[in-house]
Each structure stands twice: as C-alpha cells, then as structure tokens.
Amino acid sequence: MARQSGAEQTFSDVFDKRLRGIAATLDLLTEKHWQGATIGELVKAQLGIFDDSLDVEVSGPDFALKPAAVQPLGMALHELATNTLKHNPRGTQTISWEVFIDGAEPKLRFVWSEMREPAASRARVDKSGSGRKLLERIVPQALSGKATLTAAPQRITWLLVAPLSTVGNVVESSEHRG
C-alpha cells in the first residue's frame, strides 16, 4: 500500500519493517496457540526482521511471556532496533532480563543497552516523539510497569520493570544466550 501511494522509498522500507514486526509477533502468538512466548523467541523474531543487521548480545533466564505481554514488548524491541539501525548501526547492543523481588512482589527487569559510536553520540535524542512515548508510556502502561529511556553521550538504555503477575513466569533456571 505504501509503495503504491508514491511514498518515498525510506518511508516504504520503515513501514514495511513495522508491518513485518507486527506480523512476526502475531505469527509467534499463532504458532504458540495464543499461549504466549518466551522472551528469547520474541527477541529472535523481532531482530530477525532486520536481516542480521544487528549483532545483539542476549542474556537472561528462560521466561514465558503472557500473551498480553508479547505484543507490547515486541513493539518496544522493534522501536529500539529501528532507532539503532537509523542512528547507531555500528554500536554494540545488549538485551538482558532478570527476575528480582521488590518488596513482596517478584518483578521482571528488562534492559536494552546500546553503546554509541562517536558519530552517533552527537545525534540528538527526541524527547517527545512517538517512539519515546511508546517506550516510556505505552509499553509500561500495558504491562503495569515503569520504564525509562536514558540517553547519555556513550550509551542509550531502556529499562522496563514490570510485575511478574502481569508479564509472565520463569520457566527454567538455564540462561538464554543469543
């Protein structure tokens, strides 16, 4: 549709990748009979859209996401990967997650961390764009959690903390490595 409407190639590519991101999440949920998916599966599905353009280090315990958590987290991953390729394609990215106890409630801590290349460190980070709203308001609200996006000269970090009761469950004690 976007290509036929005469849109610029770059818009068309971005639009196509966003549709592919949504489709990858829906395919994953359908494949799992709408029972959820693991974080590792979701990360692989979302990063796979970018044709190995990103080399991301992934670590954390196997963690089963509830169906309602898969789509918002998938949207966040897609947004972060898109921004990385646009502004910092040669940077180093890591994704990690862990379960911790906050008071009496177990929570999930999910972190996207990106070391910025010198040229990327001079790039301005939009403080009010739709991507930032997605990462700091929409996704955390959907997961009953809190998130922050921090941009320092050498590092960008997105930290999401959400209650386990909303997000999912640890399924085994082994670490996922991607």
Protein backbone atom coordinates (compact mmCIF):
# COMPACT_ATOMS: atom_id res chain seq x y z
CA MET A 1 0.00 0.00 0.00
CA ALA A 2 2.74 2.46 0.95
CA ARG A 3 4.71 1.75 -2.24
CA GLN A 4 1.65 2.20 -4.40
CA SER A 5 0.82 5.51 -2.74
CA GLY A 6 4.03 7.03 -4.08
CA ALA A 7 5.70 7.36 -0.69
CA GLU A 8 9.46 7.77 -0.51
CA GLN A 9 11.50 4.56 -0.51
CA THR A 10 12.79 5.17 3.03
CA PHE A 11 9.25 5.57 4.36
CA SER A 12 8.22 2.47 2.48
CA ASP A 13 11.10 0.47 3.97
CA VAL A 14 10.30 1.63 7.51
CA PHE A 15 6.59 0.97 7.01
CA ASP A 16 7.34 -2.49 5.61
CA LYS A 17 9.56 -3.36 8.58
CA ARG A 18 6.91 -2.16 11.04
CA LEU A 19 4.32 -4.38 9.37
CA ARG A 20 6.79 -7.26 9.42
CA GLY A 21 7.37 -6.63 13.14
CA ILE A 22 3.66 -6.82 13.88
CA ALA A 23 3.35 -9.91 11.69
CA ALA A 24 6.31 -11.60 13.42
CA THR A 25 4.66 -11.09 16.81
CA LEU A 26 1.29 -12.37 15.56
CA ASP A 27 2.97 -15.35 13.86
CA LEU A 28 4.73 -16.21 17.10
CA LEU A 29 1.50 -16.00 19.09
CA THR A 30 -0.39 -18.04 16.49
CA GLU A 31 2.35 -20.67 16.42
CA LYS A 32 2.06 -20.93 20.21
CA HIS A 33 -1.77 -21.14 20.05
CA TRP A 34 -2.03 -17.73 21.73
CA GLN A 35 -0.48 -19.11 24.92
CA GLY A 36 2.35 -16.56 24.95
CA ALA A 37 6.01 -16.98 24.00
CA THR A 38 9.38 -16.81 25.65
CA ILE A 39 11.35 -13.58 25.67
CA GLY A 40 14.09 -15.33 23.71
CA GLU A 41 11.63 -16.30 20.96
CA LEU A 42 10.26 -12.76 20.80
CA VAL A 43 13.73 -11.19 20.64
CA LYS A 44 14.74 -13.58 17.85
CA ALA A 45 11.53 -12.90 15.90
CA GLN A 46 11.85 -9.12 16.16
CA LEU A 47 15.57 -8.90 15.44
CA GLY A 48 15.19 -11.37 12.57
CA ILE A 49 13.26 -8.71 10.67
CA PHE A 50 16.47 -6.73 10.31
CA ASP A 51 18.29 -9.44 8.33
CA ASP A 52 21.29 -9.82 10.66
CA SER A 53 21.98 -6.07 10.50
CA LEU A 54 22.24 -6.07 14.29
CA ASP A 55 24.53 -8.24 16.36
CA VAL A 56 22.91 -8.15 19.77
CA GLU A 57 24.15 -9.99 22.85
CA VAL A 58 21.15 -11.53 24.60
CA SER A 59 21.05 -12.99 28.12
CA GLY A 60 18.53 -13.88 30.75
CA PRO A 61 16.64 -16.85 32.18
CA ASP A 62 14.07 -18.58 30.01
CA PHE A 63 10.99 -16.55 30.63
CA ALA A 64 7.48 -17.26 29.39
CA LEU A 65 5.59 -14.09 28.49
CA LYS A 66 1.85 -13.97 28.89
CA PRO A 67 0.02 -13.42 25.59
CA ALA A 68 -0.92 -9.85 26.57
CA ALA A 69 2.77 -9.01 27.17
CA VAL A 70 4.13 -10.32 23.86
CA GLN A 71 2.81 -7.57 21.60
CA PRO A 72 3.84 -4.52 23.68
CA LEU A 73 7.32 -5.90 24.33
CA GLY A 74 7.63 -6.80 20.64
CA MET A 75 6.72 -3.23 19.70
CA ALA A 76 9.38 -1.89 22.07
CA LEU A 77 12.05 -4.21 20.67
CA HIS A 78 11.15 -3.19 17.13
CA GLU A 79 11.33 0.51 18.00
CA LEU A 80 14.69 0.14 19.71
CA ALA A 81 16.18 -1.89 16.84
CA THR A 82 14.85 0.57 14.24
CA ASN A 83 16.38 3.53 16.08
CA THR A 84 19.69 1.70 16.44
CA LEU A 85 19.93 0.98 12.74
CA LYS A 86 18.99 4.54 11.90
CA HIS A 87 21.29 6.36 14.33
CA ASN A 88 23.91 3.91 15.58
CA PRO A 89 24.29 0.95 13.17
CA ARG A 90 27.83 0.10 14.29
CA GLY A 91 27.15 0.38 18.00
CA THR A 92 27.08 -2.54 20.41
CA GLN A 93 23.73 -3.67 21.77
CA THR A 94 22.83 -5.95 24.63
CA ILE A 95 19.48 -7.21 25.82
CA SER A 96 19.18 -8.71 29.28
CA TRP A 97 16.46 -9.55 31.72
CA GLU A 98 16.16 -10.89 35.22
CA VAL A 99 13.57 -11.56 37.86
CA PHE A 100 14.01 -9.85 41.19
CA ILE A 101 11.99 -9.31 44.36
CA ASP A 102 10.77 -5.79 45.08
CA GLY A 103 9.16 -5.86 48.48
CA ALA A 104 6.98 -8.96 48.41
CA GLU A 105 6.37 -8.88 44.68
CA PRO A 106 8.55 -10.54 42.05
CA LYS A 107 9.25 -8.33 39.05
CA LEU A 108 10.87 -8.52 35.66
CA ARG A 109 13.71 -6.15 34.83
CA PHE A 110 14.28 -5.92 31.05
CA VAL A 111 17.16 -3.83 29.70
CA TRP A 112 18.16 -2.77 26.18
CA SER A 113 21.60 -1.19 26.34
CA GLU A 114 23.41 0.33 23.41
CA MET A 115 26.96 1.64 23.30
CA ARG A 116 27.01 4.59 20.92
CA GLU A 117 29.63 5.14 18.25
CA PRO A 118 31.31 8.59 18.43
CA ALA A 119 29.31 9.93 15.46
CA ALA A 120 26.06 8.63 16.95
CA SER A 121 26.81 10.16 20.35
CA ARG A 122 26.39 13.61 18.79
CA ALA A 123 22.94 12.75 17.44
CA ARG A 124 20.04 14.43 19.19
CA VAL A 125 17.60 12.18 21.02
CA ASP A 126 13.99 13.24 20.51
CA LYS A 127 12.45 13.89 23.92
CA SER A 128 8.83 13.97 22.77
CA GLY A 129 8.49 11.73 19.70
CA SER A 130 6.10 8.86 19.20
CA GLY A 131 8.88 6.29 19.74
CA ARG A 132 9.71 7.76 23.10
CA LYS A 133 6.02 7.77 24.08
CA LEU A 134 5.80 4.11 23.09
CA LEU A 135 8.85 3.18 25.17
CA GLU A 136 8.18 5.33 28.23
CA ARG A 137 4.39 5.34 28.46
CA ILE A 138 2.50 2.93 26.21
CA VAL A 139 4.52 -0.26 26.76
CA PRO A 140 4.98 0.17 30.53
CA GLN A 141 1.30 1.01 30.96
CA ALA A 142 0.29 -2.10 29.00
CA LEU A 143 2.45 -4.18 31.35
CA SER A 144 1.55 -2.33 34.59
CA GLY A 145 5.19 -1.35 34.90
CA LYS A 146 7.56 1.58 34.64
CA ALA A 147 10.18 2.35 32.02
CA THR A 148 12.90 4.88 31.42
CA LEU A 149 14.84 5.74 28.31
CA THR A 150 18.21 7.27 29.16
CA ALA A 151 20.45 8.81 26.53
CA ALA A 152 23.99 9.61 27.56
CA PRO A 153 26.79 10.52 25.15
CA GLN A 154 28.16 6.96 25.04
CA ARG A 155 25.12 4.85 25.93
CA ILE A 156 21.39 4.57 25.41
CA THR A 157 19.49 2.42 27.87
CA TRP A 158 15.85 1.41 28.01
CA LEU A 159 14.87 -0.10 31.35
CA LEU A 160 11.49 -1.71 31.90
CA VAL A 161 10.38 -3.01 35.29
CA ALA A 162 7.02 -4.80 35.47
CA PRO A 163 5.29 -7.13 37.93
CA LEU A 164 5.68 -10.81 37.14
CA SER A 165 1.95 -11.25 37.68
CA THR A 166 1.34 -9.09 34.59
CA VAL A 167 4.22 -10.19 32.37
CA GLY A 168 4.85 -13.92 32.74
CA ASN A 169 6.89 -16.59 34.51
CA VAL A 170 10.40 -18.02 34.66
CA VAL A 171 10.18 -21.45 33.04
CA GLU A 172 13.55 -22.91 33.95
CA SER A 173 16.81 -21.90 35.57
CA SER A 174 19.00 -22.05 32.45
CA GLU A 175 20.23 -18.86 30.83
CA HIS A 176 19.15 -17.93 27.32
CA ARG A 177 22.04 -16.92 25.10
CA GLY A 178 21.51 -15.46 21.68
